[in-house]
Amino acid sequence: MNDDLKTYLRQQAGIFDRYLGQYYRRSESDPEEPLEILQQSMAYSLLAGGKRLRPILAMGSCRLFDGDLERVLPVALAIEMVHTYSLIHDDLPAMDDDNFRRGIPTNHKVYGEGMAILAGDALLTDAFGFLAGAETLTESTRLELVRGLSRAAGSTGMVAGQAIDLYCEGRADVSREILFDLHRRKTGAMITFSVLAGGMVAGARTEDLERLETYGRSIGLAFQVADDVLDETGTEAELGKDAGSDREKDKLTSVSLLGLEQSRVLLEELVQEAVEALKPYGERAARLRQLAEYIAVRKN
């Protein structure tokens, strides 16, 4: 990753984090109060940093069509709240049973399983209220965004992907089609929605939204394939979480089904598909193109 892209990612994450800081802070109030513990648990994971890829994608696609950054930031926050809830729940013993996330102990290791579940529940629920109340957007845009986020996060999107993931653990009779369906739902749906949301806020035309959807679906699948490769090849220090855990838990991944080298080939193909979808926009789409390429070379 070149220095220019590093600077861009840092700047965009900074813009988002400053906005996030207006609504969520690490509290110094009495940690023994139950509602205070809940708020601290929510903030613990939401403020833990990370790539902020989904907000950056929403901001980037909005800018592609000359949209107002101030109008897309509430949408980006709602998306990150839903994403954070999913990480808290994914890390639970009943799911992936992970000890670390982003280099720090997972939420349930700090606040207990019950409070972690409630923190995730609260982030998911509050995200829809926050998005519905975004007064910088028209009612029709808010309705479309709420509907789109619900599809991406719910029983046809991310949650469906998690259900497939659980069902496929340890099974040998799994096809390439099931693997891709799992990845497109569990990881890809929210990434695709992030890309589409920025275009929707900016008032992009139907044909533009279709191109964004193609781009989003390609990078969404690429992101999970890259994750699978990294789990096999990365270190705990690089990943900020346990390395090799997918193999230990006998989870269905690109590497377990296709092998490491074929997964890398697939990753390159998906990035090229994403880049191809942006061709009509020329240099205007340079940042989104760089983000697609970054997904393939990232180390965490």
C-alpha atoms as a PDB file:
ATOM      1  CA  MET A   1       0.000   0.000   0.000  1.00  0.00           C
ATOM      2  CA  ASN A   2       1.497   3.343  -1.050  1.00  0.00           C
ATOM      3  CA  ASP A   3       1.877   6.342   1.244  1.00  0.00           C
ATOM      4  CA  ASP A   4      -0.808   8.322  -0.578  1.00  0.00           C
ATOM      5  CA  LEU A   5      -3.438   5.669   0.112  1.00  0.00           C
ATOM      6  CA  LYS A   6      -2.277   5.305   3.723  1.00  0.00           C
ATOM      7  CA  THR A   7      -2.726   9.046   4.192  1.00  0.00           C
ATOM      8  CA  TYR A   8      -6.157   8.962   2.571  1.00  0.00           C
ATOM      9  CA  LEU A   9      -7.363   6.087   4.746  1.00  0.00           C
ATOM     10  CA  ARG A  10      -6.045   7.772   7.879  1.00  0.00           C
ATOM     11  CA  GLN A  11      -7.706  11.087   6.963  1.00  0.00           C
ATOM     12  CA  GLN A  12     -11.063   9.515   6.135  1.00  0.00           C
ATOM     13  CA  ALA A  13     -11.047   7.392   9.280  1.00  0.00           C
ATOM     14  CA  GLY A  14     -10.209  10.555  11.234  1.00  0.00           C
ATOM     15  CA  ILE A  15     -13.189  12.404   9.749  1.00  0.00           C
ATOM     16  CA  PHE A  16     -15.466   9.548  10.687  1.00  0.00           C
ATOM     17  CA  ASP A  17     -14.010   9.113  14.179  1.00  0.00           C
ATOM     18  CA  ARG A  18     -14.471  12.814  14.946  1.00  0.00           C
ATOM     19  CA  TYR A  19     -18.110  12.507  13.941  1.00  0.00           C
ATOM     20  CA  LEU A  20     -18.462   9.320  15.968  1.00  0.00           C
ATOM     21  CA  GLY A  21     -16.972  11.120  18.967  1.00  0.00           C
ATOM     22  CA  GLN A  22     -19.927  13.515  19.017  1.00  0.00           C
ATOM     23  CA  TYR A  23     -22.220  10.642  19.963  1.00  0.00           C
ATOM     24  CA  TYR A  24     -20.046   8.083  21.752  1.00  0.00           C
ATOM     25  CA  ARG A  25     -17.339   8.686  24.342  1.00  0.00           C
ATOM     26  CA  ARG A  26     -15.645   6.557  26.951  1.00  0.00           C
ATOM     27  CA  SER A  27     -17.518   7.513  30.079  1.00  0.00           C
ATOM     28  CA  GLU A  28     -15.897   8.309  33.404  1.00  0.00           C
ATOM     29  CA  SER A  29     -19.124   7.880  35.351  1.00  0.00           C
ATOM     30  CA  ASP A  30     -19.715   5.259  38.022  1.00  0.00           C
ATOM     31  CA  PRO A  31     -19.009   1.893  36.335  1.00  0.00           C
ATOM     32  CA  GLU A  32     -21.189   0.095  38.869  1.00  0.00           C
ATOM     33  CA  GLU A  33     -24.428   1.539  37.450  1.00  0.00           C
ATOM     34  CA  PRO A  34     -26.017  -1.044  35.101  1.00  0.00           C
ATOM     35  CA  LEU A  35     -26.906   1.444  32.366  1.00  0.00           C
ATOM     36  CA  GLU A  36     -23.426   2.913  32.591  1.00  0.00           C
ATOM     37  CA  ILE A  37     -21.891  -0.538  32.180  1.00  0.00           C
ATOM     38  CA  LEU A  38     -24.031  -1.052  29.075  1.00  0.00           C
ATOM     39  CA  GLN A  39     -22.876   2.261  27.587  1.00  0.00           C
ATOM     40  CA  GLN A  40     -19.261   1.452  28.382  1.00  0.00           C
ATOM     41  CA  SER A  41     -19.568  -1.959  26.757  1.00  0.00           C
ATOM     42  CA  MET A  42     -21.034  -0.394  23.603  1.00  0.00           C
ATOM     43  CA  ALA A  43     -18.332   2.285  23.472  1.00  0.00           C
ATOM     44  CA  TYR A  44     -15.557  -0.217  24.193  1.00  0.00           C
ATOM     45  CA  SER A  45     -16.074  -1.971  20.867  1.00  0.00           C
ATOM     46  CA  LEU A  46     -17.316   0.985  18.823  1.00  0.00           C
ATOM     47  CA  LEU A  47     -14.315   3.143  19.759  1.00  0.00           C
ATOM     48  CA  ALA A  48     -11.754   0.346  19.404  1.00  0.00           C
ATOM     49  CA  GLY A  49     -10.619   1.689  16.052  1.00  0.00           C
ATOM     50  CA  GLY A  50     -10.313  -0.658  13.131  1.00  0.00           C
ATOM     51  CA  LYS A  51     -10.108   0.135   9.442  1.00  0.00           C
ATOM     52  CA  ARG A  52     -13.476   1.958   9.277  1.00  0.00           C
ATOM     53  CA  LEU A  53     -13.701   0.492   5.769  1.00  0.00           C
ATOM     54  CA  ARG A  54     -17.490   0.560   5.553  1.00  0.00           C
ATOM     55  CA  PRO A  55     -17.817   4.252   6.504  1.00  0.00           C
ATOM     56  CA  ILE A  56     -14.939   5.101   4.143  1.00  0.00           C
ATOM     57  CA  LEU A  57     -16.672   3.254   1.301  1.00  0.00           C
ATOM     58  CA  ALA A  58     -19.936   5.099   1.949  1.00  0.00           C
ATOM     59  CA  MET A  59     -18.090   8.418   2.044  1.00  0.00           C
ATOM     60  CA  GLY A  60     -16.132   7.558  -1.104  1.00  0.00           C
ATOM     61  CA  SER A  61     -19.129   6.523  -3.194  1.00  0.00           C
ATOM     62  CA  CYS A  62     -20.997   9.640  -2.051  1.00  0.00           C
ATOM     63  CA  ARG A  63     -18.115  11.845  -3.174  1.00  0.00           C
ATOM     64  CA  LEU A  64     -17.972  10.045  -6.527  1.00  0.00           C
ATOM     65  CA  PHE A  65     -21.293  11.723  -7.317  1.00  0.00           C
ATOM     66  CA  ASP A  66     -20.435  15.038  -5.642  1.00  0.00           C
ATOM     67  CA  GLY A  67     -22.562  14.271  -2.596  1.00  0.00           C
ATOM     68  CA  ASP A  68     -22.400  16.217   0.666  1.00  0.00           C
ATOM     69  CA  LEU A  69     -20.157  14.538   3.231  1.00  0.00           C
ATOM     70  CA  GLU A  70     -22.248  15.885   6.109  1.00  0.00           C
ATOM     71  CA  ARG A  71     -25.272  14.041   4.766  1.00  0.00           C
ATOM     72  CA  VAL A  72     -23.552  10.674   4.456  1.00  0.00           C
ATOM     73  CA  LEU A  73     -21.847  10.651   7.872  1.00  0.00           C
ATOM     74  CA  PRO A  74     -25.019   9.706   9.802  1.00  0.00           C
ATOM     75  CA  VAL A  75     -25.471   6.785   7.430  1.00  0.00           C
ATOM     76  CA  ALA A  76     -21.836   5.763   7.881  1.00  0.00           C
ATOM     77  CA  LEU A  77     -22.292   5.800  11.658  1.00  0.00           C
ATOM     78  CA  ALA A  78     -25.404   3.619  11.478  1.00  0.00           C
ATOM     79  CA  ILE A  79     -23.507   1.152   9.300  1.00  0.00           C
ATOM     80  CA  GLU A  80     -20.550   1.041  11.703  1.00  0.00           C
ATOM     81  CA  MET A  81     -22.881   0.491  14.656  1.00  0.00           C
ATOM     82  CA  VAL A  82     -24.409  -2.534  12.930  1.00  0.00           C
ATOM     83  CA  HIS A  83     -20.969  -3.801  11.932  1.00  0.00           C
ATOM     84  CA  THR A  84     -19.711  -3.438  15.520  1.00  0.00           C
ATOM     85  CA  TYR A  85     -22.701  -5.306  16.925  1.00  0.00           C
ATOM     86  CA  SER A  86     -21.943  -8.158  14.519  1.00  0.00           C
ATOM     87  CA  LEU A  87     -18.323  -8.336  15.695  1.00  0.00           C
ATOM     88  CA  ILE A  88     -19.352  -8.443  19.371  1.00  0.00           C
ATOM     89  CA  HIS A  89     -21.770 -11.293  18.699  1.00  0.00           C
ATOM     90  CA  ASP A  90     -19.418 -13.151  16.322  1.00  0.00           C
ATOM     91  CA  ASP A  91     -16.772 -13.261  19.047  1.00  0.00           C
ATOM     92  CA  LEU A  92     -19.065 -14.917  21.597  1.00  0.00           C
ATOM     93  CA  PRO A  93     -18.383 -18.513  22.737  1.00  0.00           C
ATOM     94  CA  ALA A  94     -21.546 -19.708  20.978  1.00  0.00           C
ATOM     95  CA  MET A  95     -20.246 -18.313  17.681  1.00  0.00           C
ATOM     96  CA  ASP A  96     -16.523 -17.945  16.867  1.00  0.00           C
ATOM     97  CA  ASP A  97     -15.328 -17.942  20.503  1.00  0.00           C
ATOM     98  CA  ASP A  98     -12.526 -15.414  19.969  1.00  0.00           C
ATOM     99  CA  ASN A  99     -10.397 -13.901  22.709  1.00  0.00           C
ATOM    100  CA  PHE A 100      -9.076 -10.831  20.885  1.00  0.00           C
ATOM    101  CA  ARG A 101     -10.424  -8.289  18.424  1.00  0.00           C
ATOM    102  CA  ARG A 102      -8.406  -5.367  17.036  1.00  0.00           C
ATOM    103  CA  GLY A 103      -5.566  -6.230  19.383  1.00  0.00           C
ATOM    104  CA  ILE A 104      -7.593  -5.988  22.600  1.00  0.00           C
ATOM    105  CA  PRO A 105      -9.708  -8.513  24.547  1.00  0.00           C
ATOM    106  CA  THR A 106     -13.091  -9.160  23.003  1.00  0.00           C
ATOM    107  CA  ASN A 107     -16.126  -7.506  24.552  1.00  0.00           C
ATOM    108  CA  HIS A 108     -17.393 -10.551  26.421  1.00  0.00           C
ATOM    109  CA  LYS A 109     -13.935 -11.097  27.948  1.00  0.00           C
ATOM    110  CA  VAL A 110     -14.175  -7.649  29.543  1.00  0.00           C
ATOM    111  CA  TYR A 111     -17.878  -7.223  30.298  1.00  0.00           C
ATOM    112  CA  GLY A 112     -19.164 -10.792  30.393  1.00  0.00           C
ATOM    113  CA  GLU A 113     -21.265 -12.667  27.868  1.00  0.00           C
ATOM    114  CA  GLY A 114     -24.608 -11.272  28.973  1.00  0.00           C
ATOM    115  CA  MET A 115     -23.564  -7.629  28.806  1.00  0.00           C
ATOM    116  CA  ALA A 116     -21.788  -8.195  25.474  1.00  0.00           C
ATOM    117  CA  ILE A 117     -24.988  -9.613  23.989  1.00  0.00           C
ATOM    118  CA  LEU A 118     -26.943  -6.619  25.276  1.00  0.00           C
ATOM    119  CA  ALA A 119     -24.343  -4.157  23.953  1.00  0.00           C
ATOM    120  CA  GLY A 120     -24.649  -5.744  20.510  1.00  0.00           C
ATOM    121  CA  ASP A 121     -28.446  -5.683  20.728  1.00  0.00           C
ATOM    122  CA  ALA A 122     -28.386  -2.006  21.681  1.00  0.00           C
ATOM    123  CA  LEU A 123     -26.004  -1.006  18.888  1.00  0.00           C
ATOM    124  CA  LEU A 124     -28.123  -2.802  16.283  1.00  0.00           C
ATOM    125  CA  THR A 125     -31.382  -1.301  17.525  1.00  0.00           C
ATOM    126  CA  ASP A 126     -30.012   2.212  18.023  1.00  0.00           C
ATOM    127  CA  ALA A 127     -28.523   2.208  14.512  1.00  0.00           C
ATOM    128  CA  PHE A 128     -31.946   2.105  12.898  1.00  0.00           C
ATOM    129  CA  GLY A 129     -33.278   4.841  15.172  1.00  0.00           C
ATOM    130  CA  PHE A 130     -30.244   6.993  14.396  1.00  0.00           C
ATOM    131  CA  LEU A 131     -30.646   6.471  10.650  1.00  0.00           C
ATOM    132  CA  ALA A 132     -34.393   7.121  10.719  1.00  0.00           C
ATOM    133  CA  GLY A 133     -33.762  10.390  12.561  1.00  0.00           C
ATOM    134  CA  ALA A 134     -31.105  11.733  10.171  1.00  0.00           C
ATOM    135  CA  GLU A 135     -32.742  15.086   9.424  1.00  0.00           C
ATOM    136  CA  THR A 136     -30.234  16.024   6.704  1.00  0.00           C
ATOM    137  CA  LEU A 137     -31.829  13.343   4.491  1.00  0.00           C
ATOM    138  CA  THR A 138     -35.270  13.341   2.894  1.00  0.00           C
ATOM    139  CA  GLU A 139     -37.900  10.983   4.270  1.00  0.00           C
ATOM    140  CA  SER A 140     -37.874   8.898   1.097  1.00  0.00           C
ATOM    141  CA  THR A 141     -34.075   8.525   1.233  1.00  0.00           C
ATOM    142  CA  ARG A 142     -34.203   7.570   4.897  1.00  0.00           C
ATOM    143  CA  LEU A 143     -36.869   4.953   4.171  1.00  0.00           C
ATOM    144  CA  GLU A 144     -34.792   3.424   1.366  1.00  0.00           C
ATOM    145  CA  LEU A 145     -31.683   3.383   3.550  1.00  0.00           C
ATOM    146  CA  VAL A 146     -33.490   1.771   6.488  1.00  0.00           C
ATOM    147  CA  ARG A 147     -34.930  -0.843   4.150  1.00  0.00           C
ATOM    148  CA  GLY A 148     -31.533  -1.456   2.546  1.00  0.00           C
ATOM    149  CA  LEU A 149     -29.709  -1.726   5.870  1.00  0.00           C
ATOM    150  CA  SER A 150     -32.333  -4.151   7.163  1.00  0.00           C
ATOM    151  CA  ARG A 151     -31.871  -6.395   4.120  1.00  0.00           C
ATOM    152  CA  ALA A 152     -28.071  -6.255   4.374  1.00  0.00           C
ATOM    153  CA  ALA A 153     -27.969  -6.981   8.106  1.00  0.00           C
ATOM    154  CA  GLY A 154     -30.921  -9.306   8.612  1.00  0.00           C
ATOM    155  CA  SER A 155     -32.271 -12.720   7.701  1.00  0.00           C
ATOM    156  CA  THR A 156     -31.405 -12.415   4.008  1.00  0.00           C
ATOM    157  CA  GLY A 157     -27.988 -10.829   4.553  1.00  0.00           C
ATOM    158  CA  MET A 158     -25.413 -10.883   7.321  1.00  0.00           C
ATOM    159  CA  VAL A 159     -27.401 -12.944   9.836  1.00  0.00           C
ATOM    160  CA  ALA A 160     -28.261 -15.460   7.125  1.00  0.00           C
ATOM    161  CA  GLY A 161     -24.553 -15.748   6.351  1.00  0.00           C
ATOM    162  CA  GLN A 162     -23.759 -16.421   9.995  1.00  0.00           C
ATOM    163  CA  ALA A 163     -26.424 -19.142  10.049  1.00  0.00           C
ATOM    164  CA  ILE A 164     -24.855 -20.794   6.982  1.00  0.00           C
ATOM    165  CA  ASP A 165     -21.437 -20.469   8.608  1.00  0.00           C
ATOM    166  CA  LEU A 166     -22.585 -22.269  11.752  1.00  0.00           C
ATOM    167  CA  TYR A 167     -24.355 -24.987   9.772  1.00  0.00           C
ATOM    168  CA  CYS A 168     -21.319 -25.683   7.570  1.00  0.00           C
ATOM    169  CA  GLU A 169     -18.735 -26.061  10.358  1.00  0.00           C
ATOM    170  CA  GLY A 170     -17.093 -29.449  10.036  1.00  0.00           C
ATOM    171  CA  ARG A 171     -19.148 -30.524   6.996  1.00  0.00           C
ATOM    172  CA  ALA A 172     -17.404 -32.084   4.006  1.00  0.00           C
ATOM    173  CA  ASP A 173     -20.294 -31.875   1.512  1.00  0.00           C
ATOM    174  CA  VAL A 174     -20.025 -28.140   0.802  1.00  0.00           C
ATOM    175  CA  SER A 175     -19.881 -26.670  -2.693  1.00  0.00           C
ATOM    176  CA  ARG A 176     -18.174 -23.592  -4.082  1.00  0.00           C
ATOM    177  CA  GLU A 177     -21.640 -22.061  -4.577  1.00  0.00           C
ATOM    178  CA  ILE A 178     -22.480 -22.446  -0.869  1.00  0.00           C
ATOM    179  CA  LEU A 179     -19.125 -20.914   0.084  1.00  0.00           C
ATOM    180  CA  PHE A 180     -19.740 -17.864  -2.107  1.00  0.00           C
ATOM    181  CA  ASP A 181     -23.312 -17.521  -0.833  1.00  0.00           C
ATOM    182  CA  LEU A 182     -21.986 -17.584   2.734  1.00  0.00           C
ATOM    183  CA  HIS A 183     -19.361 -14.930   2.010  1.00  0.00           C
ATOM    184  CA  ARG A 184     -21.705 -12.671   0.032  1.00  0.00           C
ATOM    185  CA  ARG A 185     -24.205 -12.683   2.869  1.00  0.00           C
ATOM    186  CA  LYS A 186     -22.080 -12.694   6.020  1.00  0.00           C
ATOM    187  CA  THR A 187     -19.471 -10.157   4.876  1.00  0.00           C
ATOM    188  CA  GLY A 188     -20.418  -8.920   1.427  1.00  0.00           C
ATOM    189  CA  ALA A 189     -23.965  -7.710   2.097  1.00  0.00           C
ATOM    190  CA  MET A 190     -22.924  -4.946   4.507  1.00  0.00           C
ATOM    191  CA  ILE A 191     -19.987  -3.884   2.342  1.00  0.00           C
ATOM    192  CA  THR A 192     -22.227  -3.718  -0.731  1.00  0.00           C
ATOM    193  CA  PHE A 193     -24.792  -1.685   1.174  1.00  0.00           C
ATOM    194  CA  SER A 194     -22.095   0.721   2.373  1.00  0.00           C
ATOM    195  CA  VAL A 195     -21.126   1.432  -1.229  1.00  0.00           C
ATOM    196  CA  LEU A 196     -24.736   1.772  -2.356  1.00  0.00           C
ATOM    197  CA  ALA A 197     -25.671   3.997   0.579  1.00  0.00           C
ATOM    198  CA  GLY A 198     -23.186   6.689  -0.406  1.00  0.00           C
ATOM    199  CA  GLY A 199     -24.553   6.737  -3.934  1.00  0.00           C
ATOM    200  CA  MET A 200     -28.137   6.874  -2.669  1.00  0.00           C
ATOM    201  CA  VAL A 201     -27.369   9.843  -0.432  1.00  0.00           C
ATOM    202  CA  ALA A 202     -25.735  11.629  -3.385  1.00  0.00           C
ATOM    203  CA  GLY A 203     -28.741  11.006  -5.631  1.00  0.00           C
ATOM    204  CA  ALA A 204     -26.959   8.668  -8.051  1.00  0.00           C
ATOM    205  CA  ARG A 205     -28.975   7.415 -11.039  1.00  0.00           C
ATOM    206  CA  THR A 206     -30.266   3.858 -11.317  1.00  0.00           C
ATOM    207  CA  GLU A 207     -27.512   2.812 -13.746  1.00  0.00           C
ATOM    208  CA  ASP A 208     -24.898   4.279 -11.412  1.00  0.00           C
ATOM    209  CA  LEU A 209     -26.322   2.375  -8.448  1.00  0.00           C
ATOM    210  CA  GLU A 210     -26.188  -0.819 -10.505  1.00  0.00           C
ATOM    211  CA  ARG A 211     -22.473  -0.233 -11.178  1.00  0.00           C
ATOM    212  CA  LEU A 212     -21.891   0.488  -7.500  1.00  0.00           C
ATOM    213  CA  GLU A 213     -23.669  -2.737  -6.593  1.00  0.00           C
ATOM    214  CA  THR A 214     -21.409  -4.714  -8.941  1.00  0.00           C
ATOM    215  CA  TYR A 215     -18.372  -3.026  -7.415  1.00  0.00           C
ATOM    216  CA  GLY A 216     -19.646  -3.619  -3.870  1.00  0.00           C
ATOM    217  CA  ARG A 217     -20.471  -7.289  -4.439  1.00  0.00           C
ATOM    218  CA  SER A 218     -17.011  -7.889  -5.899  1.00  0.00           C
ATOM    219  CA  ILE A 219     -15.081  -6.201  -3.101  1.00  0.00           C
ATOM    220  CA  GLY A 220     -17.393  -7.693  -0.468  1.00  0.00           C
ATOM    221  CA  LEU A 221     -16.541 -11.198  -1.604  1.00  0.00           C
ATOM    222  CA  ALA A 222     -12.884 -10.204  -2.066  1.00  0.00           C
ATOM    223  CA  PHE A 223     -12.730  -8.895   1.503  1.00  0.00           C
ATOM    224  CA  GLN A 224     -13.783 -12.252   2.947  1.00  0.00           C
ATOM    225  CA  VAL A 225     -11.496 -14.239   0.655  1.00  0.00           C
ATOM    226  CA  ALA A 226      -8.634 -11.983   1.789  1.00  0.00           C
ATOM    227  CA  ASP A 227      -9.661 -12.604   5.410  1.00  0.00           C
ATOM    228  CA  ASP A 228      -9.540 -16.340   4.831  1.00  0.00           C
ATOM    229  CA  VAL A 229      -6.057 -16.063   3.324  1.00  0.00           C
ATOM    230  CA  LEU A 230      -4.876 -13.835   6.158  1.00  0.00           C
ATOM    231  CA  ASP A 231      -6.183 -16.224   8.811  1.00  0.00           C
ATOM    232  CA  GLU A 232      -4.007 -18.895   7.225  1.00  0.00           C
ATOM    233  CA  THR A 233      -0.889 -16.787   6.602  1.00  0.00           C
ATOM    234  CA  GLY A 234      -0.972 -13.849   9.033  1.00  0.00           C
ATOM    235  CA  THR A 235       0.365 -13.555  12.554  1.00  0.00           C
ATOM    236  CA  GLU A 236      -1.547 -12.668  15.697  1.00  0.00           C
ATOM    237  CA  ALA A 237       0.328  -9.352  15.866  1.00  0.00           C
ATOM    238  CA  GLU A 238      -0.703  -8.469  12.304  1.00  0.00           C
ATOM    239  CA  LEU A 239      -4.303  -9.578  12.645  1.00  0.00           C
ATOM    240  CA  GLY A 240      -5.005  -8.234  16.136  1.00  0.00           C
ATOM    241  CA  LYS A 241      -6.748 -11.537  16.906  1.00  0.00           C
ATOM    242  CA  ASP A 242      -5.996 -15.254  17.086  1.00  0.00           C
ATOM    243  CA  ALA A 243      -4.351 -16.507  13.880  1.00  0.00           C
ATOM    244  CA  GLY A 244      -5.261 -19.873  12.348  1.00  0.00           C
ATOM    245  CA  SER A 245      -8.537 -20.039  14.254  1.00  0.00           C
ATOM    246  CA  ASP A 246     -10.627 -20.905  11.170  1.00  0.00           C
ATOM    247  CA  ARG A 247      -8.631 -24.082  10.573  1.00  0.00           C
ATOM    248  CA  GLU A 248      -8.733 -25.049  14.261  1.00  0.00           C
ATOM    249  CA  LYS A 249     -12.531 -24.696  14.322  1.00  0.00           C
ATOM    250  CA  ASP A 250     -12.924 -26.530  10.998  1.00  0.00           C
ATOM    251  CA  LYS A 251     -14.781 -23.575   9.500  1.00  0.00           C
ATOM    252  CA  LEU A 252     -15.777 -23.310   5.855  1.00  0.00           C
ATOM    253  CA  THR A 253     -13.408 -20.822   4.188  1.00  0.00           C
ATOM    254  CA  SER A 254     -12.008 -20.119   0.744  1.00  0.00           C
ATOM    255  CA  VAL A 255      -8.735 -21.711   1.799  1.00  0.00           C
ATOM    256  CA  SER A 256     -10.332 -24.857   3.242  1.00  0.00           C
ATOM    257  CA  LEU A 257     -12.375 -25.438   0.072  1.00  0.00           C
ATOM    258  CA  LEU A 258     -10.234 -24.022  -2.748  1.00  0.00           C
ATOM    259  CA  GLY A 259      -6.736 -24.033  -1.297  1.00  0.00           C
ATOM    260  CA  LEU A 260      -4.431 -21.111  -0.626  1.00  0.00           C
ATOM    261  CA  GLU A 261      -3.148 -20.484  -4.154  1.00  0.00           C
ATOM    262  CA  GLN A 262      -6.554 -20.730  -5.827  1.00  0.00           C
ATOM    263  CA  SER A 263      -7.951 -18.355  -3.192  1.00  0.00           C
ATOM    264  CA  ARG A 264      -5.288 -15.824  -4.139  1.00  0.00           C
ATOM    265  CA  VAL A 265      -6.167 -16.197  -7.821  1.00  0.00           C
ATOM    266  CA  LEU A 266      -9.845 -15.685  -7.004  1.00  0.00           C
ATOM    267  CA  LEU A 267      -8.979 -12.601  -4.984  1.00  0.00           C
ATOM    268  CA  GLU A 268      -7.208 -11.025  -7.955  1.00  0.00           C
ATOM    269  CA  GLU A 269     -10.155 -11.813 -10.234  1.00  0.00           C
ATOM    270  CA  LEU A 270     -12.635 -10.199  -7.862  1.00  0.00           C
ATOM    271  CA  VAL A 271     -10.563  -7.022  -7.573  1.00  0.00           C
ATOM    272  CA  GLN A 272     -10.425  -6.795 -11.369  1.00  0.00           C
ATOM    273  CA  GLU A 273     -14.219  -7.176 -11.541  1.00  0.00           C
ATOM    274  CA  ALA A 274     -14.589  -4.288  -9.094  1.00  0.00           C
ATOM    275  CA  VAL A 275     -12.160  -2.087 -11.019  1.00  0.00           C
ATOM    276  CA  GLU A 276     -13.957  -2.866 -14.289  1.00  0.00           C
ATOM    277  CA  ALA A 277     -17.282  -1.688 -12.841  1.00  0.00           C
ATOM    278  CA  LEU A 278     -15.741   1.738 -12.153  1.00  0.00           C
ATOM    279  CA  LYS A 279     -14.359   2.296 -15.654  1.00  0.00           C
ATOM    280  CA  PRO A 280     -17.142   4.676 -16.800  1.00  0.00           C
ATOM    281  CA  TYR A 281     -16.055   7.149 -14.110  1.00  0.00           C
ATOM    282  CA  GLY A 282     -12.391   7.373 -15.072  1.00  0.00           C
ATOM    283  CA  GLU A 283     -10.165   9.215 -12.628  1.00  0.00           C
ATOM    284  CA  ARG A 284     -13.146  10.345 -10.570  1.00  0.00           C
ATOM    285  CA  ALA A 285     -13.252   6.788  -9.177  1.00  0.00           C
ATOM    286  CA  ALA A 286      -9.518   6.591  -8.400  1.00  0.00           C
ATOM    287  CA  ARG A 287     -10.044   6.299  -4.638  1.00  0.00           C
ATOM    288  CA  LEU A 288     -12.664   3.565  -4.912  1.00  0.00           C
ATOM    289  CA  ARG A 289     -10.369   1.734  -7.293  1.00  0.00           C
ATOM    290  CA  GLN A 290      -7.502   2.019  -4.799  1.00  0.00           C
ATOM    291  CA  LEU A 291      -9.754   0.721  -2.028  1.00  0.00           C
ATOM    292  CA  ALA A 292     -10.555  -2.380  -4.082  1.00  0.00           C
ATOM    293  CA  GLU A 293      -6.845  -3.018  -4.602  1.00  0.00           C
ATOM    294  CA  TYR A 294      -6.091  -2.339  -0.925  1.00  0.00           C
ATOM    295  CA  ILE A 295      -8.492  -5.095   0.128  1.00  0.00           C
ATOM    296  CA  ALA A 296      -6.311  -7.637  -1.663  1.00  0.00           C
ATOM    297  CA  VAL A 297      -2.987  -6.551  -0.124  1.00  0.00           C
ATOM    298  CA  ARG A 298      -3.988  -5.585   3.431  1.00  0.00           C
ATOM    299  CA  LYS A 299      -2.349  -7.329   6.373  1.00  0.00           C
ATOM    300  CA  ASN A 300      -5.269  -7.220   8.791  1.00  0.00           C
END
